[in-house]
Each structure stands twice: as C-alpha cells, then as structure tokens.
C-alpha cells in the first residue's frame, strides 16, 4: 500500500543520485539541503562545485564523506546512476563550493571514522 509507513521509509531510503564522470574526474550530485541535513556542509572542500541548489561532490573526499554520512543517517548506502561525459565535463565550469576553509585530508577522514562509529 503506497501510504504505509514502511513503504514511505523504503522510498525515502531509495533516493537516487547521479554520479557524473569525465575523462579525468567524477562528482556525485546531491541537493545542497541534504548536506545541511546531514551536518556535513562545513566539511565540503572547494574542489566540489555548486550550481543553484545542487552540489557536485568531488569523488575522492567529499563524495566519500557524503556516502558515510548518508549511510549513518539512513542505515543504507545511497544509490546512484553513473553518467559518463566525453571530454571535459560542463561541471568544471560551475562555481566552486563556497567552503569556509579547506579541511585537510586527516580531518575529513576523522569525520568519516566518527560517522562509521556512530558518533
């Protein structure tokens, strides 16, 4: 039944995202509000991009942080579809994410470890 709480929860957890790739890099596209809901917006680096209400998280640290935060909050891995672009992606022309300051790799990895531990 469509209105049942169990189905509603399942549909929310099955949210689909887009993972964009060009020949040199990749970005996971997520709504900016979701970063705020997960409490990780201050950990996102200037190597991610923003346009309107969407953020394209660079595939190394930022996307990894989002995946761990999503899994910690929802109990499941986020699902995404892969999109490959020939040549250089248009995403590279978007504005850099307005990071308050760049977190170093160790700091982001500590945050990921905390998320994994449920802290």
PDB file of N, CA and C in Angstrom:
ATOM      1  N   UNK A   1       0.846  -1.170   0.000  1.00  0.00           N
ATOM      2  CA  UNK A   1       0.000   0.000   0.000  1.00  0.00           C
ATOM      3  C   UNK A   1       0.896   1.239   0.000  1.00  0.00           C
ATOM      4  N   UNK A   2       0.631   2.186  -0.887  1.00  0.00           N
ATOM      5  CA  UNK A   2       1.508   3.329  -1.090  1.00  0.00           C
ATOM      6  C   UNK A   2       1.649   4.205   0.146  1.00  0.00           C
ATOM      7  N   UNK A   3       0.626   4.364   0.951  1.00  0.00           N
ATOM      8  CA  UNK A   3       0.705   5.250   2.103  1.00  0.00           C
ATOM      9  C   UNK A   3       1.250   4.606   3.359  1.00  0.00           C
ATOM     10  N   UNK A   4       1.632   3.345   3.304  1.00  0.00           N
ATOM     11  CA  UNK A   4       2.099   2.678   4.515  1.00  0.00           C
ATOM     12  C   UNK A   4       3.447   3.249   4.958  1.00  0.00           C
ATOM     13  N   UNK A   5       3.674   3.372   6.293  1.00  0.00           N
ATOM     14  CA  UNK A   5       4.944   3.922   6.785  1.00  0.00           C
ATOM     15  C   UNK A   5       6.164   3.142   6.305  1.00  0.00           C
ATOM     16  N   UNK A   6       6.057   1.814   6.239  1.00  0.00           N
ATOM     17  CA  UNK A   6       7.210   1.007   5.808  1.00  0.00           C
ATOM     18  C   UNK A   6       7.588   1.326   4.375  1.00  0.00           C
ATOM     19  N   UNK A   7       6.599   1.474   3.490  1.00  0.00           N
ATOM     20  CA  UNK A   7       6.889   1.774   2.093  1.00  0.00           C
ATOM     21  C   UNK A   7       7.429   3.194   1.956  1.00  0.00           C
ATOM     22  N   UNK A   8       6.862   4.125   2.708  1.00  0.00           N
ATOM     23  CA  UNK A   8       7.343   5.503   2.658  1.00  0.00           C
ATOM     24  C   UNK A   8       8.805   5.566   3.072  1.00  0.00           C
ATOM     25  N   UNK A   9       9.176   4.877   4.141  1.00  0.00           N
ATOM     26  CA  UNK A   9      10.566   4.844   4.589  1.00  0.00           C
ATOM     27  C   UNK A   9      11.453   4.228   3.518  1.00  0.00           C
ATOM     28  N   UNK A  10      11.014   3.136   2.920  1.00  0.00           N
ATOM     29  CA  UNK A  10      11.798   2.491   1.868  1.00  0.00           C
ATOM     30  C   UNK A  10      12.002   3.426   0.692  1.00  0.00           C
ATOM     31  N   UNK A  11      10.963   4.156   0.287  1.00  0.00           N
ATOM     32  CA  UNK A  11      11.092   5.074  -0.840  1.00  0.00           C
ATOM     33  C   UNK A  11      12.070   6.199  -0.525  1.00  0.00           C
ATOM     34  N   UNK A  12      12.050   6.725   0.704  1.00  0.00           N
ATOM     35  CA  UNK A  12      12.996   7.766   1.083  1.00  0.00           C
ATOM     36  C   UNK A  12      14.420   7.240   1.055  1.00  0.00           C
ATOM     37  N   UNK A  13      14.629   6.018   1.523  1.00  0.00           N
ATOM     38  CA  UNK A  13      15.968   5.447   1.564  1.00  0.00           C
ATOM     39  C   UNK A  13      16.474   5.093   0.170  1.00  0.00           C
ATOM     40  N   UNK A  14      15.585   4.911  -0.777  1.00  0.00           N
ATOM     41  CA  UNK A  14      15.977   4.516  -2.130  1.00  0.00           C
ATOM     42  C   UNK A  14      16.229   5.733  -3.019  1.00  0.00           C
ATOM     43  N   UNK A  15      16.381   6.926  -2.419  1.00  0.00           N
ATOM     44  CA  UNK A  15      16.629   8.130  -3.203  1.00  0.00           C
ATOM     45  C   UNK A  15      17.785   7.872  -4.167  1.00  0.00           C
ATOM     46  N   UNK A  16      17.604   8.296  -5.393  1.00  0.00           N
ATOM     47  CA  UNK A  16      18.625   8.092  -6.415  1.00  0.00           C
ATOM     48  C   UNK A  16      19.434   9.376  -6.614  1.00  0.00           C
ATOM     49  N   UNK A  17      20.726   9.213  -6.794  1.00  0.00           N
ATOM     50  CA  UNK A  17      21.610  10.326  -7.075  1.00  0.00           C
ATOM     51  C   UNK A  17      22.283  10.073  -8.420  1.00  0.00           C
ATOM     52  N   UNK A  18      22.988  11.075  -8.916  1.00  0.00           N
ATOM     53  CA  UNK A  18      23.711  10.951 -10.180  1.00  0.00           C
ATOM     54  C   UNK A  18      25.202  11.099  -9.909  1.00  0.00           C
ATOM     55  N   UNK A  19      25.988  10.158 -10.444  1.00  0.00           N
ATOM     56  CA  UNK A  19      27.447  10.245 -10.356  1.00  0.00           C
ATOM     57  C   UNK A  19      27.953  10.551 -11.752  1.00  0.00           C
ATOM     58  N   UNK A  20      28.491  11.749 -11.930  1.00  0.00           N
ATOM     59  CA  UNK A  20      28.960  12.212 -13.240  1.00  0.00           C
ATOM     60  C   UNK A  20      30.463  11.984 -13.355  1.00  0.00           C
ATOM     61  N   UNK A  21      30.905  11.528 -14.517  1.00  0.00           N
ATOM     62  CA  UNK A  21      32.335  11.270 -14.761  1.00  0.00           C
ATOM     63  C   UNK A  21      32.737  11.899 -16.087  1.00  0.00           C
ATOM     64  N   UNK A  22      33.917  12.481 -16.115  1.00  0.00           N
ATOM     65  CA  UNK A  22      34.523  12.807 -17.400  1.00  0.00           C
ATOM     66  C   UNK A  22      35.830  12.025 -17.477  1.00  0.00           C
ATOM     67  N   UNK A  23      36.685  12.346 -18.406  1.00  0.00           N
ATOM     68  CA  UNK A  23      37.896  11.539 -18.584  1.00  0.00           C
ATOM     69  C   UNK A  23      38.875  11.659 -17.426  1.00  0.00           C
ATOM     70  N   UNK A  24      38.732  12.676 -16.574  1.00  0.00           N
ATOM     71  CA  UNK A  24      39.705  12.863 -15.511  1.00  0.00           C
ATOM     72  C   UNK A  24      39.189  12.818 -14.091  1.00  0.00           C
ATOM     73  N   UNK A  25      37.879  12.959 -13.892  1.00  0.00           N
ATOM     74  CA  UNK A  25      37.382  13.045 -12.519  1.00  0.00           C
ATOM     75  C   UNK A  25      35.894  12.693 -12.476  1.00  0.00           C
ATOM     76  N   UNK A  26      35.353  12.670 -11.252  1.00  0.00           N
ATOM     77  CA  UNK A  26      33.939  12.364 -11.085  1.00  0.00           C
ATOM     78  C   UNK A  26      33.346  13.154  -9.930  1.00  0.00           C
ATOM     79  N   UNK A  27      32.012  13.319  -9.969  1.00  0.00           N
ATOM     80  CA  UNK A  27      31.300  14.103  -8.966  1.00  0.00           C
ATOM     81  C   UNK A  27      29.946  13.468  -8.689  1.00  0.00           C
ATOM     82  N   UNK A  28      29.602  13.388  -7.428  1.00  0.00           N
ATOM     83  CA  UNK A  28      28.300  12.904  -7.007  1.00  0.00           C
ATOM     84  C   UNK A  28      27.394  14.110  -6.806  1.00  0.00           C
ATOM     85  N   UNK A  29      26.292  14.176  -7.549  1.00  0.00           N
ATOM     86  CA  UNK A  29      25.369  15.304  -7.492  1.00  0.00           C
ATOM     87  C   UNK A  29      24.337  15.082  -6.390  1.00  0.00           C
ATOM     88  N   UNK A  30      24.248  16.048  -5.462  1.00  0.00           N
ATOM     89  CA  UNK A  30      23.296  15.961  -4.346  1.00  0.00           C
ATOM     90  C   UNK A  30      22.674  17.331  -4.106  1.00  0.00           C
ATOM     91  N   UNK A  31      21.466  17.371  -3.539  1.00  0.00           N
ATOM     92  CA  UNK A  31      20.878  18.662  -3.176  1.00  0.00           C
ATOM     93  C   UNK A  31      21.654  19.291  -2.010  1.00  0.00           C
ATOM     94  N   UNK A  32      21.895  20.584  -2.085  1.00  0.00           N
ATOM     95  CA  UNK A  32      22.656  21.262  -1.031  1.00  0.00           C
ATOM     96  C   UNK A  32      21.981  21.098   0.329  1.00  0.00           C
ATOM     97  N   UNK A  33      20.670  21.123   0.375  1.00  0.00           N
ATOM     98  CA  UNK A  33      19.952  20.998   1.643  1.00  0.00           C
ATOM     99  C   UNK A  33      20.261  19.683   2.344  1.00  0.00           C
ATOM    100  N   UNK A  34      20.572  18.639   1.574  1.00  0.00           N
ATOM    101  CA  UNK A  34      20.885  17.344   2.169  1.00  0.00           C
ATOM    102  C   UNK A  34      22.217  17.393   2.915  1.00  0.00           C
ATOM    103  N   UNK A  35      23.171  18.162   2.411  1.00  0.00           N
ATOM    104  CA  UNK A  35      24.439  18.338   3.130  1.00  0.00           C
ATOM    105  C   UNK A  35      24.183  18.982   4.486  1.00  0.00           C
ATOM    106  N   UNK A  36      23.279  19.952   4.503  1.00  0.00           N
ATOM    107  CA  UNK A  36      22.936  20.634   5.752  1.00  0.00           C
ATOM    108  C   UNK A  36      22.191  19.695   6.693  1.00  0.00           C
ATOM    109  N   UNK A  37      21.258  18.918   6.153  1.00  0.00           N
ATOM    110  CA  UNK A  37      20.517  17.969   6.973  1.00  0.00           C
ATOM    111  C   UNK A  37      21.445  16.944   7.623  1.00  0.00           C
ATOM    112  N   UNK A  38      22.489  16.552   6.911  1.00  0.00           N
ATOM    113  CA  UNK A  38      23.443  15.571   7.423  1.00  0.00           C
ATOM    114  C   UNK A  38      24.526  16.215   8.294  1.00  0.00           C
ATOM    115  N   UNK A  39      24.569  17.536   8.330  1.00  0.00           N
ATOM    116  CA  UNK A  39      25.533  18.246   9.164  1.00  0.00           C
ATOM    117  C   UNK A  39      26.958  18.203   8.646  1.00  0.00           C
ATOM    118  N   UNK A  40      27.126  18.076   7.335  1.00  0.00           N
ATOM    119  CA  UNK A  40      28.476  17.966   6.783  1.00  0.00           C
ATOM    120  C   UNK A  40      28.839  19.118   5.845  1.00  0.00           C
ATOM    121  N   UNK A  41      27.980  20.127   5.743  1.00  0.00           N
ATOM    122  CA  UNK A  41      28.227  21.204   4.774  1.00  0.00           C
ATOM    123  C   UNK A  41      29.547  21.936   5.034  1.00  0.00           C
ATOM    124  N   UNK A  42      30.014  21.971   6.269  1.00  0.00           N
ATOM    125  CA  UNK A  42      31.269  22.661   6.579  1.00  0.00           C
ATOM    126  C   UNK A  42      32.505  21.792   6.322  1.00  0.00           C
ATOM    127  N   UNK A  43      32.297  20.549   5.943  1.00  0.00           N
ATOM    128  CA  UNK A  43      33.416  19.653   5.644  1.00  0.00           C
ATOM    129  C   UNK A  43      33.668  19.524   4.139  1.00  0.00           C
ATOM    130  N   UNK A  44      32.817  20.132   3.327  1.00  0.00           N
ATOM    131  CA  UNK A  44      32.944  20.016   1.875  1.00  0.00           C
ATOM    132  C   UNK A  44      34.026  20.986   1.396  1.00  0.00           C
ATOM    133  N   UNK A  45      34.866  20.517   0.484  1.00  0.00           N
ATOM    134  CA  UNK A  45      36.015  21.300   0.026  1.00  0.00           C
ATOM    135  C   UNK A  45      35.671  22.192  -1.170  1.00  0.00           C
ATOM    136  N   UNK A  46      36.609  23.054  -1.489  1.00  0.00           N
ATOM    137  CA  UNK A  46      36.471  23.926  -2.662  1.00  0.00           C
ATOM    138  C   UNK A  46      36.652  23.152  -3.967  1.00  0.00           C
ATOM    139  N   UNK A  47      36.961  21.845  -3.875  1.00  0.00           N
ATOM    140  CA  UNK A  47      37.122  21.037  -5.082  1.00  0.00           C
ATOM    141  C   UNK A  47      35.799  20.473  -5.576  1.00  0.00           C
ATOM    142  N   UNK A  48      34.723  20.728  -4.828  1.00  0.00           N
ATOM    143  CA  UNK A  48      33.375  20.395  -5.276  1.00  0.00           C
ATOM    144  C   UNK A  48      32.785  21.637  -5.926  1.00  0.00           C
ATOM    145  N   UNK A  49      31.674  21.447  -6.626  1.00  0.00           N
ATOM    146  CA  UNK A  49      31.061  22.545  -7.365  1.00  0.00           C
ATOM    147  C   UNK A  49      29.620  22.735  -6.936  1.00  0.00           C
ATOM    148  N   UNK A  50      29.111  23.973  -7.159  1.00  0.00           N
ATOM    149  CA  UNK A  50      27.734  24.305  -6.793  1.00  0.00           C
ATOM    150  C   UNK A  50      27.087  25.069  -7.938  1.00  0.00           C
ATOM    151  N   UNK A  51      25.838  24.729  -8.208  1.00  0.00           N
ATOM    152  CA  UNK A  51      25.031  25.491  -9.156  1.00  0.00           C
ATOM    153  C   UNK A  51      23.590  25.410  -8.675  1.00  0.00           C
ATOM    154  N   UNK A  52      22.995  26.573  -8.475  1.00  0.00           N
ATOM    155  CA  UNK A  52      21.636  26.662  -7.946  1.00  0.00           C
ATOM    156  C   UNK A  52      21.573  25.924  -6.612  1.00  0.00           C
ATOM    157  N   UNK A  53      20.669  24.967  -6.474  1.00  0.00           N
ATOM    158  CA  UNK A  53      20.527  24.259  -5.189  1.00  0.00           C
ATOM    159  C   UNK A  53      21.192  22.886  -5.201  1.00  0.00           C
ATOM    160  N   UNK A  54      22.058  22.651  -6.184  1.00  0.00           N
ATOM    161  CA  UNK A  54      22.737  21.360  -6.313  1.00  0.00           C
ATOM    162  C   UNK A  54      24.235  21.514  -6.052  1.00  0.00           C
ATOM    163  N   UNK A  55      24.824  20.454  -5.488  1.00  0.00           N
ATOM    164  CA  UNK A  55      26.268  20.417  -5.271  1.00  0.00           C
ATOM    165  C   UNK A  55      26.801  19.155  -5.930  1.00  0.00           C
ATOM    166  N   UNK A  56      27.921  19.293  -6.637  1.00  0.00           N
ATOM    167  CA  UNK A  56      28.596  18.159  -7.267  1.00  0.00           C
ATOM    168  C   UNK A  56      29.828  17.880  -6.415  1.00  0.00           C
ATOM    169  N   UNK A  57      29.769  16.823  -5.626  1.00  0.00           N
ATOM    170  CA  UNK A  57      30.833  16.486  -4.679  1.00  0.00           C
ATOM    171  C   UNK A  57      31.966  15.764  -5.385  1.00  0.00           C
ATOM    172  N   UNK A  58      33.184  16.276  -5.234  1.00  0.00           N
ATOM    173  CA  UNK A  58      34.321  15.613  -5.876  1.00  0.00           C
ATOM    174  C   UNK A  58      34.427  14.191  -5.334  1.00  0.00           C
ATOM    175  N   UNK A  59      34.851  13.289  -6.202  1.00  0.00           N
ATOM    176  CA  UNK A  59      34.727  11.850  -5.936  1.00  0.00           C
ATOM    177  C   UNK A  59      35.619  11.312  -4.828  1.00  0.00           C
ATOM    178  N   UNK A  60      36.668  12.009  -4.474  1.00  0.00           N
ATOM    179  CA  UNK A  60      37.602  11.456  -3.500  1.00  0.00           C
ATOM    180  C   UNK A  60      37.106  11.677  -2.066  1.00  0.00           C
ATOM    181  N   UNK A  61      37.378  12.818  -1.491  1.00  0.00           N
ATOM    182  CA  UNK A  61      36.997  13.048  -0.087  1.00  0.00           C
ATOM    183  C   UNK A  61      35.523  13.419   0.083  1.00  0.00           C
ATOM    184  N   UNK A  62      35.031  14.370  -0.689  1.00  0.00           N
ATOM    185  CA  UNK A  62      33.696  14.918  -0.437  1.00  0.00           C
ATOM    186  C   UNK A  62      32.587  13.896  -0.676  1.00  0.00           C
ATOM    187  N   UNK A  63      32.666  13.168  -1.773  1.00  0.00           N
ATOM    188  CA  UNK A  63      31.645  12.141  -2.035  1.00  0.00           C
ATOM    189  C   UNK A  63      31.737  11.024  -0.994  1.00  0.00           C
ATOM    190  N   UNK A  64      32.955  10.650  -0.601  1.00  0.00           N
ATOM    191  CA  UNK A  64      33.122   9.608   0.423  1.00  0.00           C
ATOM    192  C   UNK A  64      32.498  10.042   1.743  1.00  0.00           C
ATOM    193  N   UNK A  65      32.704  11.296   2.115  1.00  0.00           N
ATOM    194  CA  UNK A  65      32.110  11.824   3.337  1.00  0.00           C
ATOM    195  C   UNK A  65      30.590  11.776   3.254  1.00  0.00           C
ATOM    196  N   UNK A  66      30.025  12.208   2.131  1.00  0.00           N
ATOM    197  CA  UNK A  66      28.575  12.184   1.968  1.00  0.00           C
ATOM    198  C   UNK A  66      28.034  10.758   2.078  1.00  0.00           C
ATOM    199  N   UNK A  67      28.677   9.824   1.417  1.00  0.00           N
ATOM    200  CA  UNK A  67      28.215   8.430   1.429  1.00  0.00           C
ATOM    201  C   UNK A  67      28.186   7.901   2.860  1.00  0.00           C
ATOM    202  N   UNK A  68      29.230   8.164   3.637  1.00  0.00           N
ATOM    203  CA  UNK A  68      29.265   7.696   5.028  1.00  0.00           C
ATOM    204  C   UNK A  68      28.208   8.391   5.883  1.00  0.00           C
ATOM    205  N   UNK A  69      28.015   9.697   5.677  1.00  0.00           N
ATOM    206  CA  UNK A  69      27.006  10.426   6.446  1.00  0.00           C
ATOM    207  C   UNK A  69      25.600   9.934   6.098  1.00  0.00           C
ATOM    208  N   UNK A  70      25.345   9.689   4.826  1.00  0.00           N
ATOM    209  CA  UNK A  70      24.037   9.190   4.391  1.00  0.00           C
ATOM    210  C   UNK A  70      23.774   7.815   5.001  1.00  0.00           C
ATOM    211  N   UNK A  71      24.783   6.951   4.920  1.00  0.00           N
ATOM    212  CA  UNK A  71      24.649   5.593   5.467  1.00  0.00           C
ATOM    213  C   UNK A  71      24.428   5.640   6.981  1.00  0.00           C
ATOM    214  N   UNK A  72      25.128   6.517   7.672  1.00  0.00           N
ATOM    215  CA  UNK A  72      24.978   6.653   9.113  1.00  0.00           C
ATOM    216  C   UNK A  72      23.572   7.125   9.479  1.00  0.00           C
ATOM    217  N   UNK A  73      23.036   8.048   8.700  1.00  0.00           N
ATOM    218  CA  UNK A  73      21.714   8.616   8.982  1.00  0.00           C
ATOM    219  C   UNK A  73      20.571   7.688   8.588  1.00  0.00           C
ATOM    220  N   UNK A  74      20.694   7.016   7.440  1.00  0.00           N
ATOM    221  CA  UNK A  74      19.580   6.238   6.886  1.00  0.00           C
ATOM    222  C   UNK A  74      19.737   4.728   7.029  1.00  0.00           C
ATOM    223  N   UNK A  75      20.926   4.272   7.393  1.00  0.00           N
ATOM    224  CA  UNK A  75      21.131   2.843   7.563  1.00  0.00           C
ATOM    225  C   UNK A  75      21.328   2.075   6.271  1.00  0.00           C
ATOM    226  N   UNK A  76      21.389   2.770   5.153  1.00  0.00           N
ATOM    227  CA  UNK A  76      21.619   2.136   3.849  1.00  0.00           C
ATOM    228  C   UNK A  76      22.567   3.016   3.035  1.00  0.00           C
ATOM    229  N   UNK A  77      23.237   2.406   2.084  1.00  0.00           N
ATOM    230  CA  UNK A  77      24.081   3.158   1.155  1.00  0.00           C
ATOM    231  C   UNK A  77      23.188   3.942   0.199  1.00  0.00           C
ATOM    232  N   UNK A  78      23.593   5.147  -0.176  1.00  0.00           N
ATOM    233  CA  UNK A  78      22.829   5.849  -1.216  1.00  0.00           C
ATOM    234  C   UNK A  78      22.996   5.127  -2.546  1.00  0.00           C
ATOM    235  N   UNK A  79      22.012   5.243  -3.395  1.00  0.00           N
ATOM    236  CA  UNK A  79      22.064   4.635  -4.727  1.00  0.00           C
ATOM    237  C   UNK A  79      22.286   5.739  -5.749  1.00  0.00           C
ATOM    238  N   UNK A  80      23.027   5.433  -6.794  1.00  0.00           N
ATOM    239  CA  UNK A  80      23.236   6.418  -7.843  1.00  0.00           C
ATOM    240  C   UNK A  80      23.337   5.733  -9.193  1.00  0.00           C
ATOM    241  N   UNK A  81      23.134   6.549 -10.212  1.00  0.00           N
ATOM    242  CA  UNK A  81      23.329   6.131 -11.599  1.00  0.00           C
ATOM    243  C   UNK A  81      24.595   6.819 -12.093  1.00  0.00           C
ATOM    244  N   UNK A  82      25.382   6.115 -12.876  1.00  0.00           N
ATOM    245  CA  UNK A  82      26.601   6.684 -13.443  1.00  0.00           C
ATOM    246  C   UNK A  82      26.309   7.331 -14.784  1.00  0.00           C
ATOM    247  N   UNK A  83      26.852   8.521 -14.985  1.00  0.00           N
ATOM    248  CA  UNK A  83      26.739   9.247 -16.249  1.00  0.00           C
ATOM    249  C   UNK A  83      28.137   9.620 -16.700  1.00  0.00           C
ATOM    250  N   UNK A  84      28.516   9.193 -17.888  1.00  0.00           N
ATOM    251  CA  UNK A  84      29.845   9.478 -18.426  1.00  0.00           C
ATOM    252  C   UNK A  84      29.740  10.533 -19.517  1.00  0.00           C
ATOM    253  N   UNK A  85      30.676  11.468 -19.473  1.00  0.00           N
ATOM    254  CA  UNK A  85      30.715  12.536 -20.467  1.00  0.00           C
ATOM    255  C   UNK A  85      32.008  12.422 -21.265  1.00  0.00           C
ATOM    256  N   UNK A  86      31.909  12.664 -22.538  1.00  0.00           N
ATOM    257  CA  UNK A  86      33.099  12.693 -23.384  1.00  0.00           C
ATOM    258  C   UNK A  86      33.811  14.022 -23.163  1.00  0.00           C
ATOM    259  N   UNK A  87      35.126  13.989 -23.147  1.00  0.00           N
ATOM    260  CA  UNK A  87      35.891  15.216 -22.963  1.00  0.00           C
ATOM    261  C   UNK A  87      35.741  15.764 -21.559  1.00  0.00           C
ATOM    262  N   UNK A  88      35.800  17.078 -21.454  1.00  0.00           N
ATOM    263  CA  UNK A  88      35.725  17.733 -20.153  1.00  0.00           C
ATOM    264  C   UNK A  88      34.267  18.026 -19.791  1.00  0.00           C
ATOM    265  N   UNK A  89      33.901  17.714 -18.576  1.00  0.00           N
ATOM    266  CA  UNK A  89      32.524  17.904 -18.119  1.00  0.00           C
ATOM    267  C   UNK A  89      32.178  19.382 -17.956  1.00  0.00           C
ATOM    268  N   UNK A  90      30.937  19.721 -18.226  1.00  0.00           N
ATOM    269  CA  UNK A  90      30.424  21.077 -18.006  1.00  0.00           C
ATOM    270  C   UNK A  90      30.458  21.432 -16.518  1.00  0.00           C
ATOM    271  N   UNK A  91      30.477  20.416 -15.663  1.00  0.00           N
ATOM    272  CA  UNK A  91      30.504  20.651 -14.220  1.00  0.00           C
ATOM    273  C   UNK A  91      31.716  21.496 -13.834  1.00  0.00           C
ATOM    274  N   UNK A  92      32.812  21.333 -14.548  1.00  0.00           N
ATOM    275  CA  UNK A  92      34.039  22.085 -14.248  1.00  0.00           C
ATOM    276  C   UNK A  92      33.855  23.590 -14.421  1.00  0.00           C
ATOM    277  N   UNK A  93      32.806  24.012 -15.129  1.00  0.00           N
ATOM    278  CA  UNK A  93      32.551  25.443 -15.328  1.00  0.00           C
ATOM    279  C   UNK A  93      31.644  26.031 -14.242  1.00  0.00           C
ATOM    280  N   UNK A  94      31.112  25.199 -13.349  1.00  0.00           N
ATOM    281  CA  UNK A  94      30.256  25.683 -12.263  1.00  0.00           C
ATOM    282  C   UNK A  94      31.119  26.382 -11.212  1.00  0.00           C
ATOM    283  N   UNK A  95      30.468  27.120 -10.338  1.00  0.00           N
ATOM    284  CA  UNK A  95      31.182  27.790  -9.241  1.00  0.00           C
ATOM    285  C   UNK A  95      31.731  26.759  -8.262  1.00  0.00           C
ATOM    286  N   UNK A  96      32.893  27.053  -7.707  1.00  0.00           N
ATOM    287  CA  UNK A  96      33.447  26.199  -6.653  1.00  0.00           C
ATOM    288  C   UNK A  96      32.527  26.263  -5.447  1.00  0.00           C
ATOM    289  N   UNK A  97      32.431  25.160  -4.716  1.00  0.00           N
ATOM    290  CA  UNK A  97      31.631  25.151  -3.496  1.00  0.00           C
ATOM    291  C   UNK A  97      32.216  26.174  -2.534  1.00  0.00           C
ATOM    292  N   UNK A  98      31.371  26.996  -1.912  1.00  0.00           N
ATOM    293  CA  UNK A  98      31.880  28.056  -1.027  1.00  0.00           C
ATOM    294  C   UNK A  98      32.340  27.516   0.323  1.00  0.00           C
ATOM    295  N   UNK A  99      33.434  26.808   0.313  1.00  0.00           N
ATOM    296  CA  UNK A  99      33.964  26.211   1.542  1.00  0.00           C
ATOM    297  C   UNK A  99      34.422  27.319   2.487  1.00  0.00           C
ATOM    298  N   UNK A 100      34.096  27.187   3.769  1.00  0.00           N
ATOM    299  CA  UNK A 100      34.547  28.161   4.760  1.00  0.00           C
ATOM    300  C   UNK A 100      36.068  28.162   4.845  1.00  0.00           C
ATOM    301  N   UNK A 101      36.635  26.986   4.832  1.00  0.00           N
ATOM    302  CA  UNK A 101      38.074  26.804   4.703  1.00  0.00           C
ATOM    303  C   UNK A 101      38.289  25.352   4.336  1.00  0.00           C
ATOM    304  N   UNK A 102      39.419  25.077   3.747  1.00  0.00           N
ATOM    305  CA  UNK A 102      39.678  23.711   3.312  1.00  0.00           C
ATOM    306  C   UNK A 102      40.041  22.835   4.496  1.00  0.00           C
ATOM    307  N   UNK A 103      39.322  21.749   4.652  1.00  0.00           N
ATOM    308  CA  UNK A 103      39.657  20.752   5.661  1.00  0.00           C
ATOM    309  C   UNK A 103      40.765  19.896   5.076  1.00  0.00           C
ATOM    310  N   UNK A 104      41.717  19.532   5.892  1.00  0.00           N
ATOM    311  CA  UNK A 104      42.746  18.654   5.361  1.00  0.00           C
ATOM    312  C   UNK A 104      42.234  17.220   5.331  1.00  0.00           C
ATOM    313  N   UNK A 105      42.956  16.394   4.620  1.00  0.00           N
ATOM    314  CA  UNK A 105      42.550  15.006   4.426  1.00  0.00           C
ATOM    315  C   UNK A 105      42.336  14.291   5.756  1.00  0.00           C
ATOM    316  N   UNK A 106      43.247  14.493   6.700  1.00  0.00           N
ATOM    317  CA  UNK A 106      43.145  13.836   8.002  1.00  0.00           C
ATOM    318  C   UNK A 106      41.885  14.226   8.754  1.00  0.00           C
ATOM    319  N   UNK A 107      41.513  15.493   8.676  1.00  0.00           N
ATOM    320  CA  UNK A 107      40.312  15.968   9.364  1.00  0.00           C
ATOM    321  C   UNK A 107      39.051  15.341   8.770  1.00  0.00           C
ATOM    322  N   UNK A 108      38.991  15.264   7.463  1.00  0.00           N
ATOM    323  CA  UNK A 108      37.827  14.646   6.815  1.00  0.00           C
ATOM    324  C   UNK A 108      37.785  13.151   7.122  1.00  0.00           C
ATOM    325  N   UNK A 109      38.938  12.499   7.126  1.00  0.00           N
ATOM    326  CA  UNK A 109      38.962  11.071   7.441  1.00  0.00           C
ATOM    327  C   UNK A 109      38.530  10.813   8.885  1.00  0.00           C
ATOM    328  N   UNK A 110      38.887  11.703   9.815  1.00  0.00           N
ATOM    329  CA  UNK A 110      38.409  11.575  11.199  1.00  0.00           C
ATOM    330  C   UNK A 110      36.892  11.695  11.255  1.00  0.00           C
ATOM    331  N   UNK A 111      36.314  12.620  10.492  1.00  0.00           N
ATOM    332  CA  UNK A 111      34.856  12.777  10.445  1.00  0.00           C
ATOM    333  C   UNK A 111      34.210  11.513   9.884  1.00  0.00           C
ATOM    334  N   UNK A 112      34.788  10.953   8.829  1.00  0.00           N
ATOM    335  CA  UNK A 112      34.264   9.702   8.261  1.00  0.00           C
ATOM    336  C   UNK A 112      34.338   8.594   9.289  1.00  0.00           C
ATOM    337  N   UNK A 113      35.432   8.489  10.020  1.00  0.00           N
ATOM    338  CA  UNK A 113      35.560   7.463  11.072  1.00  0.00           C
ATOM    339  C   UNK A 113      34.508   7.648  12.152  1.00  0.00           C
ATOM    340  N   UNK A 114      34.245   8.898  12.538  1.00  0.00           N
ATOM    341  CA  UNK A 114      33.213   9.166  13.541  1.00  0.00           C
ATOM    342  C   UNK A 114      31.842   8.718  13.043  1.00  0.00           C
ATOM    343  N   UNK A 115      31.558   9.000  11.782  1.00  0.00           N
ATOM    344  CA  UNK A 115      30.270   8.593  11.200  1.00  0.00           C
ATOM    345  C   UNK A 115      30.139   7.070  11.201  1.00  0.00           C
ATOM    346  N   UNK A 116      31.220   6.399  10.838  1.00  0.00           N
ATOM    347  CA  UNK A 116      31.203   4.933  10.820  1.00  0.00           C
ATOM    348  C   UNK A 116      30.990   4.360  12.219  1.00  0.00           C
ATOM    349  N   UNK A 117      31.520   5.059  13.225  1.00  0.00           N
ATOM    350  CA  UNK A 117      31.403   4.596  14.608  1.00  0.00           C
ATOM    351  C   UNK A 117      30.087   5.021  15.257  1.00  0.00           C
ATOM    352  N   UNK A 118      29.301   5.829  14.537  1.00  0.00           N
ATOM    353  CA  UNK A 118      28.029   6.280  15.077  1.00  0.00           C
ATOM    354  C   UNK A 118      28.142   7.437  16.043  1.00  0.00           C
ATOM    355  N   UNK A 119      29.252   8.162  15.973  1.00  0.00           N
ATOM    356  CA  UNK A 119      29.474   9.302  16.883  1.00  0.00           C
ATOM    357  C   UNK A 119      28.833  10.541  16.313  1.00  0.00           C
TER     358      UNK A 119
END
